[in-house]
Amino acid sequence: MSPLPELLSNRLGDALAKVCGDRLPAGFVAPVTAAADTRFGDYQSNAAMVLAKQVGTNPRELAAAAVEGLELGELCEPAEIAGPGFINFRVRPGHLAGRLSEMLGDERLGVPAATSPLKLLVDFSSPNVAKPMHIGHIRSTVIGDCIARVARFLGHGVVADNHIGDWGTPIGQVLYGWKNHLDREAFEAAPTAELLRLYQKVKAEFESDPEVEKACLEETVKLQSGDTENRALWEQFIEITGRAGGETYRRLDVHFDTTLGESFYDDRLAPLVEKLLADGIAEESDGAVCVFSDGELDPKDDPLLVQRDGEWRGVPCLIRKRDGGFTYATTDIATVDYRVEEERADQVLYVVDDRQSLHFRQIFEVARQRGIAADLRHVAFGKILGDDRKPFKTRSGEVPSLDSVLDEAVERARAVVDDKSSALSEEERAEVAERIGIGAVKYAELSQNRASDYIFSWDKMLSLQGNTAPYLINAYVRTRAIFRKLDGAQPDFGGGLELAEDAERTLAIKLCQYAETVPAVLVDHRPNLLATYLYELAQTFHSFYERCPVLSSEGVTRDTRLALCELCSRVLKHGLGLLGIAPPERM
């Protein structure tokens, strides 16, 4: 079952081809999108306006000629022309009813599978060893998880990769702290918190005391040289951090296919640098090894160049320091090699905040110079802000741990559940509060444009009104309540549906648009497209429910309205599932 825009695009394209003949540009596709103003139709196209410029004709006249030869059959009412050449389409109720019937029998709810599946590796979350996950990790974690879920559903091969920070100077700082400042009692009570305290204490000393800096670097070298004591401590740190992170991921229902830290690539770095030198891609510069611009890109697009004083100057990618040490860039280049050569990834997505944009542009440019054909993309995102529009922190000025944020979300949700759901048992209320609280935090993130900063607001994210998880969950629960009132009787959806009321038709159109929305998420990796769709679906359902009695209606009207409720229920649950949110059945 092809999405409606695809069907309309094909038919409009055929009509325009007949009108333009040899003047039609090769590969021209007639764009069709959901109408911005549904008073004029369900879908619209500016194809005639776009094409008129290319073939040198009047756009409205071209639109009129195309509409005259447009074969829509039982799909749509006759197309209409508006303004300078927009073409508007209104889908026939009979076609909509047929689509609803097909959706009822389709576990994919009309969403087509990808025609050219990719091997897709998604790099997301990426916490650091010896530190608890904090609020800043929520964006990478839930955006990456949603992209992986959508990609899997569409039929792509997906590898969810948690690229943890377990190597380098920060680990040396924790090792030094362990040996000089450990509070054994505090460690036994809260291991991760004590490791964080050690890191923060030593980091401050590292930056102000050359002796501490030297000692930390020595601990790092000992670790990387295979020192037995440091290796054993390092493995303990990884186990402690992994155990704590595993519980957080369990609550978030986030899963990884592979977890490879920076340490995994350590023995690949020296051979990589030597190969880059041998291939003429890297060169020595003042004792260091760098990759410079090869001059093949426009300077404005070259991340290895910067304009200063009216001249373009090099900003090379450093891959080996003067002291022989390697950099994050070296590790990430080695990681690209592994993902392309070993994982056989066609596309690699790095779900990392926008402060790393230049770093990834340089990594991708090195890959281009090396002839790597895989599609490497930085899925960047902005910051989480407090009410003061500064990075979100606790009242004490600290960045809150992710667990503390989830705990508070569940606690706040529990207060709402206790107030609204007294009929539920204690166990049921605890489960509902967990689902709503976790879902609210996730949805507050996923409903945002990922490229933008957003303000973290407890009141907004837990509201039962507006574009929030509780509002969507409430819509889903309401759909299930309808069927519980049937006392186990199974409705018959096989007798044909009839859409007689405007509210029925509007909901039917919105349900059909699920097939268009889900694939669009991967076009620019924007989960907010799906979140916005689900919010609009919930609004449309509530409007339908207020205008169209369901259980008190009769005959085909009752069957049709029950079918609409059933599909709305399925789409809401499935769509929320792609966002990583599991709605409760009662609320």
Protein backbone atom coordinates (compact mmCIF):
# COMPACT_ATOMS: atom_id res chain seq x y z
CA MET A 1 0.00 0.00 0.00
CA SER A 2 1.83 3.10 -1.25
CA PRO A 3 1.51 6.33 0.77
CA LEU A 4 -0.95 8.80 -0.73
CA PRO A 5 1.68 11.45 -1.66
CA GLU A 6 3.57 8.83 -3.65
CA LEU A 7 0.45 7.79 -5.58
CA LEU A 8 -0.53 11.38 -6.29
CA SER A 9 3.04 12.30 -7.27
CA ASN A 10 3.17 9.46 -9.80
CA ARG A 11 -0.15 10.40 -11.40
CA LEU A 12 0.64 14.10 -11.46
CA GLY A 13 4.06 13.34 -12.92
CA ASP A 14 2.44 11.34 -15.71
CA ALA A 15 0.07 14.23 -16.49
CA LEU A 16 2.89 16.78 -16.55
CA ALA A 17 4.96 14.50 -18.80
CA LYS A 18 2.11 14.42 -21.32
CA VAL A 19 1.86 18.21 -21.30
CA CYS A 20 5.60 18.97 -21.43
CA GLY A 21 6.75 16.13 -23.65
CA ASP A 22 10.47 16.43 -24.43
CA ARG A 23 10.71 19.61 -22.34
CA LEU A 24 10.25 17.66 -19.09
CA PRO A 25 13.62 17.59 -17.27
CA ALA A 26 15.07 14.12 -16.82
CA GLY A 27 14.25 12.65 -13.43
CA PHE A 28 11.67 15.29 -12.55
CA VAL A 29 9.50 14.24 -9.59
CA ALA A 30 6.28 16.11 -8.85
CA PRO A 31 6.34 17.00 -5.14
CA VAL A 32 3.11 16.35 -3.20
CA THR A 33 2.78 17.23 0.48
CA ALA A 34 0.05 17.35 3.11
CA ALA A 35 -1.97 20.54 2.67
CA ALA A 36 -1.02 23.43 4.93
CA ASP A 37 -4.68 24.55 5.01
CA THR A 38 -7.09 21.61 4.92
CA ARG A 39 -9.98 23.85 3.89
CA PHE A 40 -8.65 23.61 0.35
CA GLY A 41 -7.75 19.94 0.25
CA ASP A 42 -5.87 17.09 1.85
CA TYR A 43 -2.73 17.32 -0.26
CA GLN A 44 -1.17 19.94 -2.49
CA SER A 45 1.58 20.31 -5.06
CA ASN A 46 3.62 23.21 -6.36
CA ALA A 47 4.98 21.03 -9.18
CA ALA A 48 3.54 23.25 -11.92
CA MET A 49 5.16 26.33 -10.40
CA VAL A 50 8.54 24.62 -10.11
CA LEU A 51 8.36 23.11 -13.60
CA ALA A 52 7.07 26.27 -15.30
CA LYS A 53 10.33 28.07 -14.56
CA GLN A 54 12.30 25.24 -16.13
CA VAL A 55 10.22 24.93 -19.32
CA GLY A 56 9.44 28.62 -19.75
CA THR A 57 5.67 28.72 -19.45
CA ASN A 58 2.94 30.21 -17.26
CA PRO A 59 2.60 28.12 -14.06
CA ARG A 60 -1.18 28.44 -13.74
CA GLU A 61 -1.66 27.50 -17.38
CA LEU A 62 0.65 24.52 -16.93
CA ALA A 63 -1.30 23.49 -13.82
CA ALA A 64 -4.58 23.75 -15.72
CA ALA A 65 -3.28 21.62 -18.58
CA ALA A 66 -1.95 19.00 -16.16
CA VAL A 67 -5.22 18.85 -14.21
CA GLU A 68 -7.18 18.40 -17.43
CA GLY A 69 -5.21 15.26 -18.23
CA LEU A 70 -4.89 14.04 -14.64
CA GLU A 71 -6.34 10.56 -14.09
CA LEU A 72 -7.40 10.27 -10.47
CA GLY A 73 -10.18 7.68 -10.78
CA GLU A 74 -11.52 6.60 -7.40
CA LEU A 75 -8.52 8.08 -5.59
CA CYS A 76 -9.51 11.73 -5.42
CA GLU A 77 -12.14 14.28 -6.33
CA PRO A 78 -11.22 16.36 -9.40
CA ALA A 79 -8.09 18.37 -8.60
CA GLU A 80 -8.41 22.13 -8.11
CA ILE A 81 -6.02 24.98 -8.90
CA ALA A 82 -5.33 27.76 -6.43
CA GLY A 83 -3.28 30.95 -6.51
CA PRO A 84 -0.39 31.10 -8.99
CA GLY A 85 -0.52 27.39 -9.75
CA PHE A 86 -0.94 25.23 -6.66
CA ILE A 87 -2.77 21.96 -7.33
CA ASN A 88 -5.01 20.74 -4.50
CA PHE A 89 -6.26 17.19 -3.98
CA ARG A 90 -9.13 15.91 -1.85
CA VAL A 91 -9.13 12.13 -1.30
CA ARG A 92 -12.47 10.39 -1.84
CA PRO A 93 -14.10 8.93 1.30
CA GLY A 94 -14.38 5.53 -0.39
CA HIS A 95 -10.64 5.39 -0.99
CA LEU A 96 -9.95 6.43 2.60
CA ALA A 97 -12.28 3.73 3.89
CA GLY A 98 -10.46 1.15 1.80
CA ARG A 99 -7.12 2.29 3.19
CA LEU A 100 -8.40 2.03 6.74
CA SER A 101 -9.51 -1.53 6.07
CA GLU A 102 -6.07 -2.37 4.70
CA MET A 103 -4.39 -0.78 7.72
CA LEU A 104 -6.53 -2.88 10.07
CA GLY A 105 -5.09 -6.02 8.52
CA ASP A 106 -1.51 -4.74 8.27
CA GLU A 107 0.86 -5.07 11.22
CA ARG A 108 2.98 -2.31 9.64
CA LEU A 109 -0.02 0.06 9.70
CA GLY A 110 0.59 1.00 6.08
CA VAL A 111 4.22 2.05 6.57
CA PRO A 112 6.29 0.73 3.64
CA ALA A 113 9.62 -0.99 4.24
CA ALA A 114 12.75 0.61 2.81
CA THR A 115 13.26 -0.33 -0.83
CA SER A 116 17.07 -0.16 -0.49
CA PRO A 117 17.98 -1.29 3.04
CA LEU A 118 21.27 -0.05 4.46
CA LYS A 119 23.67 -1.35 7.07
CA LEU A 120 23.35 1.52 9.52
CA LEU A 121 25.59 2.05 12.56
CA VAL A 122 24.33 4.53 15.16
CA ASP A 123 26.88 5.86 17.66
CA PHE A 124 25.01 7.32 20.63
CA SER A 125 24.95 7.86 24.41
CA SER A 126 28.73 7.37 24.94
CA PRO A 127 29.17 7.95 28.69
CA ASN A 128 32.58 8.10 30.36
CA VAL A 129 33.96 5.45 32.67
CA ALA A 130 34.16 6.40 36.38
CA LYS A 131 31.45 9.05 36.01
CA PRO A 132 27.66 8.72 36.42
CA MET A 133 25.54 9.61 33.43
CA HIS A 134 24.19 13.16 33.72
CA ILE A 135 21.29 15.10 32.22
CA GLY A 136 23.39 15.98 29.18
CA HIS A 137 23.43 12.31 28.14
CA ILE A 138 19.65 12.20 27.68
CA ARG A 139 19.70 13.91 24.30
CA SER A 140 22.22 11.61 22.63
CA THR A 141 20.71 8.53 24.29
CA VAL A 142 17.07 8.99 23.34
CA ILE A 143 17.67 10.57 19.92
CA GLY A 144 20.03 7.76 18.96
CA ASP A 145 17.69 5.10 20.32
CA CYS A 146 14.73 6.53 18.40
CA ILE A 147 16.71 6.65 15.14
CA ALA A 148 17.77 3.03 15.67
CA ARG A 149 14.18 1.94 16.39
CA VAL A 150 12.79 3.68 13.31
CA ALA A 151 15.57 2.35 11.08
CA ARG A 152 15.00 -1.22 12.26
CA PHE A 153 11.27 -0.93 11.69
CA LEU A 154 11.87 0.32 8.15
CA GLY A 155 14.02 -2.74 7.44
CA HIS A 156 17.55 -1.39 7.71
CA GLY A 157 20.27 -3.44 9.35
CA VAL A 158 21.14 -1.52 12.51
CA VAL A 159 24.11 -1.65 14.88
CA ALA A 160 23.54 0.41 18.03
CA ASP A 161 27.03 1.28 19.27
CA ASN A 162 27.83 2.76 22.70
CA HIS A 163 31.29 4.28 22.21
CA ILE A 164 32.32 4.73 25.86
CA GLY A 165 35.15 6.95 27.09
CA ASP A 166 37.46 4.55 28.92
CA TRP A 167 40.98 5.68 27.97
CA GLY A 168 43.31 8.63 28.20
CA THR A 169 44.14 11.26 30.80
CA PRO A 170 40.77 11.33 32.62
CA ILE A 171 41.27 7.69 33.62
CA GLY A 172 44.80 8.53 34.78
CA GLN A 173 43.31 11.27 36.98
CA VAL A 174 40.90 8.79 38.59
CA LEU A 175 43.73 6.31 39.13
CA TYR A 176 45.79 9.00 40.87
CA GLY A 177 42.77 9.98 42.95
CA TRP A 178 42.13 6.36 43.95
CA LYS A 179 45.68 5.94 45.17
CA ASN A 180 45.86 9.25 47.04
CA HIS A 181 42.38 10.39 48.08
CA LEU A 182 40.04 7.39 48.22
CA ASP A 183 37.34 7.39 50.90
CA ARG A 184 36.81 3.65 51.21
CA GLU A 185 33.61 4.00 53.23
CA ALA A 186 32.09 6.39 50.70
CA PHE A 187 33.12 4.06 47.88
CA GLU A 188 31.44 1.08 49.51
CA ALA A 189 28.23 3.11 49.95
CA ALA A 190 28.12 4.75 46.50
CA PRO A 191 30.91 3.60 44.13
CA THR A 192 30.13 5.76 41.13
CA ALA A 193 29.65 8.90 43.23
CA GLU A 194 33.02 8.37 44.92
CA LEU A 195 34.78 7.84 41.58
CA LEU A 196 33.24 11.08 40.34
CA ARG A 197 34.40 12.89 43.47
CA LEU A 198 37.94 11.63 42.92
CA TYR A 199 37.90 12.74 39.29
CA GLN A 200 36.59 16.22 40.11
CA LYS A 201 39.09 16.72 42.94
CA VAL A 202 42.09 15.57 40.94
CA LYS A 203 41.03 17.43 37.80
CA ALA A 204 41.12 20.71 39.76
CA GLU A 205 44.57 19.83 41.16
CA PHE A 206 45.73 18.71 37.69
CA GLU A 207 45.01 22.14 36.26
CA SER A 208 46.81 24.05 39.03
CA ASP A 209 49.63 21.78 40.25
CA PRO A 210 52.33 20.63 37.78
CA GLU A 211 53.34 17.80 40.10
CA VAL A 212 49.82 16.37 40.10
CA GLU A 213 49.65 16.78 36.32
CA LYS A 214 52.89 14.84 35.95
CA ALA A 215 51.71 12.10 38.33
CA CYS A 216 48.39 11.68 36.48
CA LEU A 217 50.12 11.40 33.13
CA GLU A 218 52.43 8.76 34.62
CA GLU A 219 49.39 6.78 35.80
CA THR A 220 47.94 7.04 32.29
CA VAL A 221 51.14 5.75 30.70
CA LYS A 222 51.31 2.88 33.19
CA LEU A 223 47.72 1.89 32.34
CA GLN A 224 48.32 2.02 28.61
CA SER A 225 51.59 0.10 29.00
CA GLY A 226 49.81 -2.79 30.70
CA ASP A 227 50.69 -2.15 34.37
CA THR A 228 48.97 -4.94 36.34
CA GLU A 229 47.65 -2.77 39.19
CA ASN A 230 46.33 0.01 36.96
CA ARG A 231 44.76 -2.47 34.55
CA ALA A 232 42.95 -4.20 37.43
CA LEU A 233 41.66 -0.89 38.78
CA TRP A 234 40.63 0.21 35.28
CA GLU A 235 38.65 -2.99 34.78
CA GLN A 236 36.99 -2.42 38.15
CA PHE A 237 36.03 1.14 37.15
CA ILE A 238 34.52 -0.16 33.90
CA GLU A 239 32.52 -2.82 35.73
CA ILE A 240 31.17 -0.33 38.30
CA THR A 241 30.24 2.24 35.68
CA GLY A 242 28.73 -0.39 33.38
CA ARG A 243 26.58 -1.82 36.16
CA ALA A 244 25.21 1.62 37.09
CA GLY A 245 24.70 2.59 33.45
CA GLY A 246 23.02 -0.73 32.71
CA GLU A 247 20.32 0.00 35.28
CA THR A 248 19.76 3.46 33.78
CA TYR A 249 19.47 1.98 30.28
CA ARG A 250 17.03 -0.63 31.61
CA ARG A 251 14.76 2.10 32.94
CA LEU A 252 15.02 3.94 29.63
CA ASP A 253 14.50 0.69 27.66
CA VAL A 254 17.62 1.47 25.61
CA HIS A 255 19.69 -1.40 24.23
CA PHE A 256 23.02 -1.64 22.41
CA ASP A 257 24.38 -4.20 19.99
CA THR A 258 27.97 -3.39 20.81
CA THR A 259 29.86 -1.40 23.45
CA LEU A 260 33.41 -0.68 22.38
CA GLY A 261 35.39 1.88 24.32
CA GLU A 262 38.21 4.06 23.08
CA SER A 263 40.63 1.47 24.50
CA PHE A 264 39.48 -1.07 21.91
CA TYR A 265 41.14 0.97 19.16
CA ASP A 266 44.40 1.74 21.00
CA ASP A 267 46.60 -0.81 19.23
CA ARG A 268 45.33 0.39 15.86
CA LEU A 269 46.51 3.98 16.25
CA ALA A 270 50.25 3.71 15.55
CA PRO A 271 49.77 1.58 12.39
CA LEU A 272 47.06 3.99 11.24
CA VAL A 273 49.34 7.02 11.50
CA GLU A 274 52.14 5.20 9.68
CA LYS A 275 49.77 4.24 6.88
CA LEU A 276 48.48 7.80 6.53
CA LEU A 277 52.08 9.00 6.28
CA ALA A 278 52.96 6.30 3.74
CA ASP A 279 49.90 7.14 1.63
CA GLY A 280 50.82 10.81 1.58
CA ILE A 281 47.62 11.84 3.32
CA ALA A 282 49.33 12.89 6.56
CA GLU A 283 52.62 14.74 6.94
CA GLU A 284 54.95 15.78 9.72
CA SER A 285 54.73 19.37 10.94
CA ASP A 286 56.94 20.75 13.74
CA GLY A 287 57.39 17.26 15.13
CA ALA A 288 53.68 16.40 15.04
CA VAL A 289 51.73 14.50 12.37
CA CYS A 290 48.74 16.20 10.74
CA VAL A 291 46.34 15.91 7.83
CA PHE A 292 46.13 19.13 5.83
CA SER A 293 43.68 20.36 3.19
CA ASP A 294 44.25 18.78 -0.20
CA GLY A 295 42.72 21.76 -1.97
CA GLU A 296 39.94 19.78 -3.63
CA LEU A 297 37.05 21.42 -1.75
CA ASP A 298 35.76 24.95 -1.98
CA PRO A 299 37.57 26.75 0.88
CA LYS A 300 34.22 27.70 2.44
CA ASP A 301 33.38 23.98 2.73
CA ASP A 302 36.82 22.78 3.81
CA PRO A 303 37.08 22.08 7.57
CA LEU A 304 40.87 22.04 7.31
CA LEU A 305 40.94 25.72 6.32
CA VAL A 306 39.99 28.92 8.12
CA GLN A 307 39.86 32.49 6.82
CA ARG A 308 41.99 34.97 8.72
CA ASP A 309 42.87 38.49 7.65
CA GLY A 310 41.36 37.82 4.24
CA GLU A 311 43.44 34.70 3.63
CA TRP A 312 42.65 30.99 3.87
CA ARG A 313 44.97 29.29 6.30
CA GLY A 314 45.33 25.70 7.37
CA VAL A 315 43.74 24.25 10.51
CA PRO A 316 45.04 20.69 10.15
CA CYS A 317 43.68 17.60 11.84
CA LEU A 318 46.26 16.59 14.45
CA ILE A 319 46.67 12.80 14.65
CA ARG A 320 49.98 12.44 16.53
CA LYS A 321 51.35 14.96 18.98
CA ARG A 322 54.97 15.98 19.28
CA ASP A 323 55.40 13.76 22.33
CA GLY A 324 54.16 10.76 20.32
CA GLY A 325 50.73 10.71 21.93
CA PHE A 326 47.57 10.24 19.91
CA THR A 327 44.41 12.36 19.90
CA TYR A 328 40.65 11.87 19.90
CA ALA A 329 40.84 12.42 16.15
CA THR A 330 43.23 9.48 15.74
CA THR A 331 40.88 7.23 17.68
CA ASP A 332 37.86 8.39 15.68
CA ILE A 333 39.63 7.80 12.37
CA ALA A 334 40.49 4.27 13.53
CA THR A 335 36.87 3.86 14.58
CA VAL A 336 35.72 4.79 11.07
CA ASP A 337 37.99 2.09 9.66
CA TYR A 338 36.59 -0.54 12.01
CA ARG A 339 32.99 0.38 11.32
CA VAL A 340 33.44 0.36 7.57
CA GLU A 341 35.78 -2.62 7.25
CA GLU A 342 34.59 -4.88 10.09
CA GLU A 343 30.97 -3.84 10.64
CA ARG A 344 30.45 -3.22 6.91
CA ALA A 345 28.39 -0.12 7.62
CA ASP A 346 26.99 1.79 4.66
CA GLN A 347 26.12 4.75 6.86
CA VAL A 348 27.48 5.81 10.26
CA LEU A 349 25.56 8.31 12.39
CA TYR A 350 27.30 10.13 15.22
CA VAL A 351 24.64 11.39 17.65
CA VAL A 352 26.82 13.91 19.46
CA ASP A 353 26.23 17.51 20.60
CA ASP A 354 26.87 20.38 18.23
CA ARG A 355 30.02 21.53 20.05
CA GLN A 356 31.82 18.69 18.27
CA SER A 357 30.83 19.85 14.78
CA LEU A 358 34.31 20.91 13.62
CA HIS A 359 35.85 17.73 15.01
CA PHE A 360 33.52 15.51 13.01
CA ARG A 361 33.80 17.62 9.87
CA GLN A 362 37.56 17.08 10.02
CA ILE A 363 37.19 13.35 10.64
CA PHE A 364 34.85 13.05 7.67
CA GLU A 365 37.22 15.08 5.51
CA VAL A 366 40.10 12.74 6.36
CA ALA A 367 37.83 9.84 5.36
CA ARG A 368 37.07 11.56 2.05
CA GLN A 369 40.76 12.06 1.32
CA ARG A 370 41.29 8.35 2.01
CA GLY A 371 38.57 7.37 -0.44
CA ILE A 372 36.17 5.94 2.14
CA ALA A 373 32.78 5.68 0.49
CA ALA A 374 30.58 5.14 3.56
CA ASP A 375 28.10 7.90 4.37
CA LEU A 376 29.34 9.52 7.60
CA ARG A 377 27.00 11.98 9.30
CA HIS A 378 27.04 14.05 12.46
CA VAL A 379 23.54 14.11 13.98
CA ALA A 380 24.16 17.19 16.10
CA PHE A 381 21.94 18.55 18.85
CA GLY A 382 21.79 21.61 21.07
CA LYS A 383 21.85 22.18 24.83
CA ILE A 384 19.33 21.61 27.61
CA LEU A 385 18.70 24.93 29.39
CA GLY A 386 17.20 25.94 32.70
CA ASP A 387 14.62 28.68 33.21
CA ASP A 388 17.48 31.21 33.18
CA ARG A 389 18.35 30.03 29.65
CA LYS A 390 21.72 28.78 30.89
CA PRO A 391 22.79 25.10 30.85
CA PHE A 392 20.45 23.17 33.15
CA LYS A 393 21.85 22.67 36.67
CA THR A 394 20.59 21.89 40.16
CA ARG A 395 20.08 24.66 42.74
CA SER A 396 23.51 23.86 44.13
CA GLY A 397 25.00 24.62 40.72
CA GLU A 398 25.79 21.04 39.75
CA VAL A 399 24.83 19.23 36.57
CA PRO A 400 22.18 16.73 37.78
CA SER A 401 22.75 13.03 37.27
CA LEU A 402 20.45 11.33 34.80
CA ASP A 403 19.21 8.94 37.48
CA SER A 404 18.19 11.83 39.74
CA VAL A 405 16.25 13.42 36.88
CA LEU A 406 14.44 10.15 36.14
CA ASP A 407 13.69 9.63 39.83
CA GLU A 408 12.20 13.10 40.15
CA ALA A 409 10.16 12.64 36.97
CA VAL A 410 8.65 9.43 38.34
CA GLU A 411 8.04 11.03 41.72
CA ARG A 412 6.22 13.98 40.14
CA ALA A 413 4.26 11.63 37.86
CA ARG A 414 3.26 9.57 40.90
CA ALA A 415 1.68 12.63 42.49
CA VAL A 416 -0.43 13.13 39.36
CA VAL A 417 -1.36 9.44 39.19
CA ASP A 418 -2.37 9.36 42.86
CA ASP A 419 -4.60 12.36 42.26
CA LYS A 420 -6.21 11.11 39.05
CA SER A 421 -6.17 7.31 39.36
CA SER A 422 -7.43 6.32 42.80
CA ALA A 423 -9.10 3.20 41.33
CA LEU A 424 -5.73 1.65 40.46
CA SER A 425 -3.90 -0.62 42.88
CA GLU A 426 -0.64 0.45 44.54
CA GLU A 427 1.35 -1.74 42.14
CA GLU A 428 -0.51 -0.39 39.11
CA ARG A 429 0.02 3.22 40.19
CA ALA A 430 3.74 2.62 40.65
CA GLU A 431 4.03 1.14 37.15
CA VAL A 432 1.94 3.89 35.55
CA ALA A 433 4.02 6.58 37.30
CA GLU A 434 7.24 4.97 36.06
CA ARG A 435 5.99 4.84 32.48
CA ILE A 436 4.60 8.37 32.50
CA GLY A 437 7.64 9.87 34.24
CA ILE A 438 10.22 8.22 31.99
CA GLY A 439 8.05 8.84 28.92
CA ALA A 440 7.70 12.51 29.84
CA VAL A 441 11.47 13.03 30.01
CA LYS A 442 11.98 11.23 26.70
CA TYR A 443 9.18 13.01 24.92
CA ALA A 444 10.27 16.45 26.17
CA GLU A 445 13.51 15.77 24.33
CA LEU A 446 12.20 14.06 21.21
CA SER A 447 9.48 16.62 20.54
CA GLN A 448 12.13 19.34 20.11
CA ASN A 449 13.99 20.20 16.95
CA ARG A 450 17.24 18.43 17.78
CA ALA A 451 19.35 21.29 16.43
CA SER A 452 17.86 23.76 18.91
CA ASP A 453 18.49 24.40 22.58
CA TYR A 454 15.42 23.87 24.75
CA ILE A 455 14.30 24.79 28.26
CA PHE A 456 13.83 21.92 30.71
CA SER A 457 10.47 22.43 32.43
CA TRP A 458 8.94 19.92 34.85
CA ASP A 459 5.51 21.56 34.72
CA LYS A 460 5.37 21.52 30.94
CA MET A 461 6.65 17.98 30.39
CA LEU A 462 4.21 16.44 32.92
CA SER A 463 1.16 18.43 31.89
CA LEU A 464 -1.92 16.56 30.73
CA GLN A 465 -2.49 19.36 28.20
CA GLY A 466 -0.38 20.35 25.21
CA ASN A 467 2.37 18.58 23.32
CA THR A 468 3.48 16.24 26.11
CA ALA A 469 3.82 12.52 26.75
CA PRO A 470 0.99 12.51 29.36
CA TYR A 471 -1.37 14.06 26.79
CA LEU A 472 -0.53 11.39 24.19
CA ILE A 473 -0.68 8.60 26.76
CA ASN A 474 -4.08 9.87 27.91
CA ALA A 475 -5.33 9.72 24.31
CA TYR A 476 -4.12 6.13 24.02
CA VAL A 477 -5.70 5.15 27.34
CA ARG A 478 -8.98 6.70 26.23
CA THR A 479 -8.99 4.56 23.08
CA ARG A 480 -8.46 1.42 25.15
CA ALA A 481 -11.22 2.40 27.57
CA ILE A 482 -13.69 2.33 24.68
CA PHE A 483 -12.96 -1.32 23.99
CA ARG A 484 -13.04 -2.31 27.66
CA LYS A 485 -16.66 -1.13 27.67
CA LEU A 486 -17.45 -3.80 25.08
CA ASP A 487 -17.04 -6.42 27.84
CA GLY A 488 -14.89 -8.67 25.71
CA ALA A 489 -17.08 -8.54 22.61
CA GLN A 490 -14.96 -8.37 19.46
CA PRO A 491 -16.02 -5.71 16.95
CA ASP A 492 -16.43 -6.74 13.32
CA PHE A 493 -14.22 -4.67 11.02
CA GLY A 494 -14.76 -6.82 7.96
CA GLY A 495 -18.10 -5.49 6.77
CA GLY A 496 -16.90 -2.32 5.05
CA LEU A 497 -16.49 1.18 6.44
CA GLU A 498 -18.27 4.41 5.57
CA LEU A 499 -16.94 7.87 6.36
CA ALA A 500 -19.97 10.15 6.56
CA GLU A 501 -18.93 12.87 9.04
CA ASP A 502 -16.19 15.45 8.56
CA ALA A 503 -14.59 14.47 11.88
CA GLU A 504 -14.43 10.84 10.74
CA ARG A 505 -12.84 11.81 7.47
CA THR A 506 -10.32 14.14 9.12
CA LEU A 507 -9.21 11.39 11.49
CA ALA A 508 -8.95 8.92 8.60
CA ILE A 509 -6.64 11.26 6.67
CA LYS A 510 -4.45 11.77 9.73
CA LEU A 511 -4.20 8.00 10.28
CA CYS A 512 -3.16 7.45 6.67
CA GLN A 513 -0.38 10.01 7.09
CA TYR A 514 1.46 7.69 9.50
CA ALA A 515 2.84 5.91 6.43
CA GLU A 516 4.31 9.21 5.24
CA THR A 517 5.68 10.35 8.59
CA VAL A 518 7.75 7.42 9.81
CA PRO A 519 10.13 7.23 6.79
CA ALA A 520 10.56 11.02 6.93
CA VAL A 521 12.20 10.71 10.37
CA LEU A 522 15.34 9.27 8.75
CA VAL A 523 15.59 11.89 6.01
CA ASP A 524 17.26 14.39 8.33
CA HIS A 525 17.15 12.27 11.51
CA ARG A 526 14.40 14.29 13.15
CA PRO A 527 12.36 12.39 15.75
CA ASN A 528 10.34 15.54 16.36
CA LEU A 529 8.52 14.90 13.05
CA LEU A 530 7.06 11.72 14.55
CA ALA A 531 6.34 13.39 17.90
CA THR A 532 4.51 16.24 16.17
CA TYR A 533 2.49 13.79 14.08
CA LEU A 534 1.43 11.80 17.16
CA TYR A 535 0.42 15.01 18.95
CA GLU A 536 -1.69 16.07 15.97
CA LEU A 537 -3.22 12.59 15.82
CA ALA A 538 -4.14 12.77 19.50
CA GLN A 539 -5.72 16.20 18.97
CA THR A 540 -7.64 14.91 15.95
CA PHE A 541 -8.84 11.89 17.91
CA HIS A 542 -10.07 14.00 20.82
CA SER A 543 -11.95 16.25 18.38
CA PHE A 544 -13.49 13.19 16.69
CA TYR A 545 -14.43 11.65 20.05
CA GLU A 546 -16.26 14.82 21.12
CA ARG A 547 -18.23 15.08 17.87
CA CYS A 548 -18.93 11.43 17.04
CA PRO A 549 -20.55 9.11 19.61
CA VAL A 550 -18.99 5.68 19.27
CA LEU A 551 -20.69 3.05 21.42
CA SER A 552 -24.14 4.60 21.19
CA SER A 553 -24.08 4.65 17.39
CA GLU A 554 -25.34 1.72 15.33
CA GLY A 555 -24.66 -0.41 12.25
CA VAL A 556 -21.93 0.58 9.83
CA THR A 557 -21.52 3.93 11.60
CA ARG A 558 -20.61 2.16 14.84
CA ASP A 559 -18.29 -0.25 13.03
CA THR A 560 -16.55 2.63 11.27
CA ARG A 561 -16.06 4.63 14.44
CA LEU A 562 -14.77 1.61 16.34
CA ALA A 563 -12.36 0.95 13.47
CA LEU A 564 -11.12 4.54 13.68
CA CYS A 565 -10.63 4.18 17.44
CA GLU A 566 -8.82 0.87 17.01
CA LEU A 567 -6.45 2.26 14.39
CA CYS A 568 -5.85 5.38 16.44
CA SER A 569 -4.99 3.16 19.38
CA ARG A 570 -2.58 1.03 17.32
CA VAL A 571 -0.86 4.00 15.70
CA LEU A 572 -0.43 5.87 18.99
CA LYS A 573 1.05 2.81 20.69
CA HIS A 574 3.29 1.94 17.75
CA GLY A 575 4.46 5.51 17.24
CA LEU A 576 5.17 6.02 20.92
CA GLY A 577 7.07 2.72 20.81
CA LEU A 578 9.29 4.07 18.04
CA LEU A 579 10.02 7.01 20.35
CA GLY A 580 10.94 4.49 23.06
CA ILE A 581 7.82 5.18 25.15
CA ALA A 582 5.59 2.35 26.41
CA PRO A 583 2.14 3.72 27.34
CA PRO A 584 0.15 2.01 30.13
CA GLU A 585 -3.26 0.52 29.34
CA ARG A 586 -4.92 2.41 32.19
CA MET A 587 -4.22 5.78 33.71
